[in-house]
Amino acid sequence: MMLKNALLTLTAAAMMSSSPVFAHARLQSTSPAADAQLAAQPKSLTLKFNEKVQLAVLKLTVAGKEIPVALDRGAAPALQVTVALPTLPAGKCEVQWSALSADDGHVTKGMFSFVITGT
């Protein structure tokens, strides 16, 4: 009986740990895509997630210089966040982001870059 209870407890724990409730928001794709080589400047930047998030931080730098980007911190949580981009110079654009999951309240962050070869 003790072995049966132990197996039931382990099975229940395994099922709970694989539950989506314990998953965190993950970045699924971006536009422009990570490592993209662009001949022209993009008009906007889009981040798509696997669950609804609120973007807390979005930092854009080109050649080490931070470029101000308008971020609506009061926006409702969404699977996709799009921000308009100002005029950007040619060069490597690095994007750092941080998002708060609407489902579990956890913070996820990351970074990616793309290159504008001409304007």
Protein backbone atom coordinates (compact mmCIF):
# COMPACT_ATOMS: atom_id res chain seq x y z
CA MET A 1 0.00 0.00 0.00
CA MET A 2 2.86 2.36 0.83
CA LEU A 3 4.50 1.74 -2.55
CA LYS A 4 1.18 2.38 -4.32
CA ASN A 5 0.77 5.74 -2.50
CA ALA A 6 4.33 6.72 -3.37
CA LEU A 7 3.74 5.93 -7.06
CA LEU A 8 0.49 7.90 -7.07
CA THR A 9 2.24 10.87 -5.46
CA LEU A 10 5.09 10.77 -8.01
CA THR A 11 2.65 10.48 -10.91
CA ALA A 12 0.62 13.45 -9.64
CA ALA A 13 3.77 15.54 -9.15
CA ALA A 14 4.99 14.72 -12.66
CA MET A 15 1.64 15.69 -14.18
CA MET A 16 1.56 18.99 -12.30
CA SER A 17 5.12 19.93 -13.24
CA SER A 18 4.40 19.50 -16.95
CA SER A 19 1.22 21.56 -16.73
CA PRO A 20 1.10 24.76 -18.83
CA VAL A 21 0.28 26.67 -15.64
CA PHE A 22 3.97 26.45 -14.77
CA ALA A 23 5.17 27.53 -18.22
CA HIS A 24 6.60 31.00 -18.82
CA ALA A 25 6.03 33.35 -21.71
CA ARG A 26 8.45 32.69 -24.56
CA LEU A 27 9.29 34.86 -27.52
CA GLN A 28 8.22 32.92 -30.63
CA SER A 29 9.21 35.29 -33.41
CA THR A 30 10.15 38.85 -34.25
CA SER A 31 9.78 41.13 -37.23
CA PRO A 32 12.36 41.97 -38.37
CA ALA A 33 13.65 38.48 -37.66
CA ALA A 34 16.71 37.94 -35.48
CA ASP A 35 19.91 38.23 -37.54
CA ALA A 36 18.02 39.63 -40.56
CA GLN A 37 19.97 41.69 -43.10
CA LEU A 38 17.68 44.51 -44.30
CA ALA A 39 18.29 46.74 -47.32
CA ALA A 40 15.74 49.26 -46.00
CA GLN A 41 14.74 50.40 -42.56
CA PRO A 42 11.70 48.68 -41.02
CA LYS A 43 8.75 50.90 -40.09
CA SER A 44 7.94 48.89 -36.96
CA LEU A 45 9.18 46.18 -34.62
CA THR A 46 6.93 43.24 -33.68
CA LEU A 47 7.47 40.64 -30.96
CA LYS A 48 5.19 37.56 -30.86
CA PHE A 49 4.86 35.46 -27.70
CA ASN A 50 3.30 32.09 -26.83
CA GLU A 51 1.08 33.73 -24.20
CA LYS A 52 -0.22 37.21 -23.44
CA VAL A 53 2.35 39.63 -22.07
CA GLN A 54 2.84 43.27 -21.21
CA LEU A 55 6.12 44.64 -22.51
CA ALA A 56 7.96 46.29 -19.62
CA VAL A 57 11.24 47.25 -21.31
CA LEU A 58 12.20 47.75 -24.94
CA LYS A 59 15.67 49.14 -25.52
CA LEU A 60 16.96 49.69 -29.04
CA THR A 61 20.60 50.56 -29.74
CA VAL A 62 22.35 51.19 -33.05
CA ALA A 63 26.15 51.32 -33.05
CA GLY A 64 26.12 51.66 -29.26
CA LYS A 65 23.73 54.64 -29.28
CA GLU A 66 20.33 54.18 -27.62
CA ILE A 67 17.41 55.08 -29.86
CA PRO A 68 14.24 56.21 -28.01
CA VAL A 69 11.22 54.02 -28.76
CA ALA A 70 7.67 54.84 -27.60
CA LEU A 71 6.31 51.99 -25.49
CA ASP A 72 2.70 51.94 -24.25
CA ARG A 73 3.10 50.54 -20.73
CA GLY A 74 -0.66 50.78 -20.18
CA ALA A 75 -1.52 48.49 -23.10
CA ALA A 76 -3.58 45.39 -22.37
CA PRO A 77 -1.66 42.09 -22.33
CA ALA A 78 -1.38 40.62 -25.84
CA LEU A 79 0.25 37.77 -27.77
CA GLN A 80 1.85 40.31 -30.10
CA VAL A 81 3.40 43.69 -29.38
CA THR A 82 4.18 46.13 -32.20
CA VAL A 83 5.95 49.47 -31.82
CA ALA A 84 6.60 52.12 -34.44
CA LEU A 85 10.27 52.78 -35.12
CA PRO A 86 11.83 56.21 -35.61
CA THR A 87 14.28 56.82 -38.46
CA LEU A 88 17.24 54.51 -37.91
CA PRO A 89 20.74 54.78 -39.32
CA ALA A 90 22.35 51.88 -41.17
CA GLY A 91 24.15 49.44 -38.90
CA LYS A 92 23.57 46.70 -36.36
CA CYS A 93 20.37 47.22 -34.34
CA GLU A 94 20.27 45.49 -30.97
CA VAL A 95 16.94 44.97 -29.23
CA GLN A 96 16.68 44.18 -25.51
CA TRP A 97 13.24 43.41 -24.13
CA SER A 98 11.55 42.38 -20.92
CA ALA A 99 7.94 41.18 -20.69
CA LEU A 100 5.59 40.36 -17.84
CA SER A 101 3.41 37.28 -18.39
CA ALA A 102 -0.29 37.97 -17.90
CA ASP A 103 -0.86 34.30 -16.96
CA ASP A 104 1.68 33.73 -14.20
CA GLY A 105 3.25 37.13 -13.51
CA HIS A 106 6.77 35.96 -14.34
CA VAL A 107 9.23 38.22 -16.14
CA THR A 108 10.89 36.99 -19.32
CA LYS A 109 13.65 38.86 -21.07
CA GLY A 110 15.91 38.51 -24.03
CA MET A 111 17.74 40.21 -26.82
CA PHE A 112 18.21 39.90 -30.56
CA SER A 113 19.67 41.96 -33.35
CA PHE A 114 19.25 42.71 -37.04
CA VAL A 115 21.30 44.76 -39.51
CA ILE A 116 20.20 47.62 -41.75
CA THR A 117 22.62 47.63 -44.67
CA GLY A 118 21.19 50.77 -46.30
CA THR A 119 18.54 53.44 -45.70
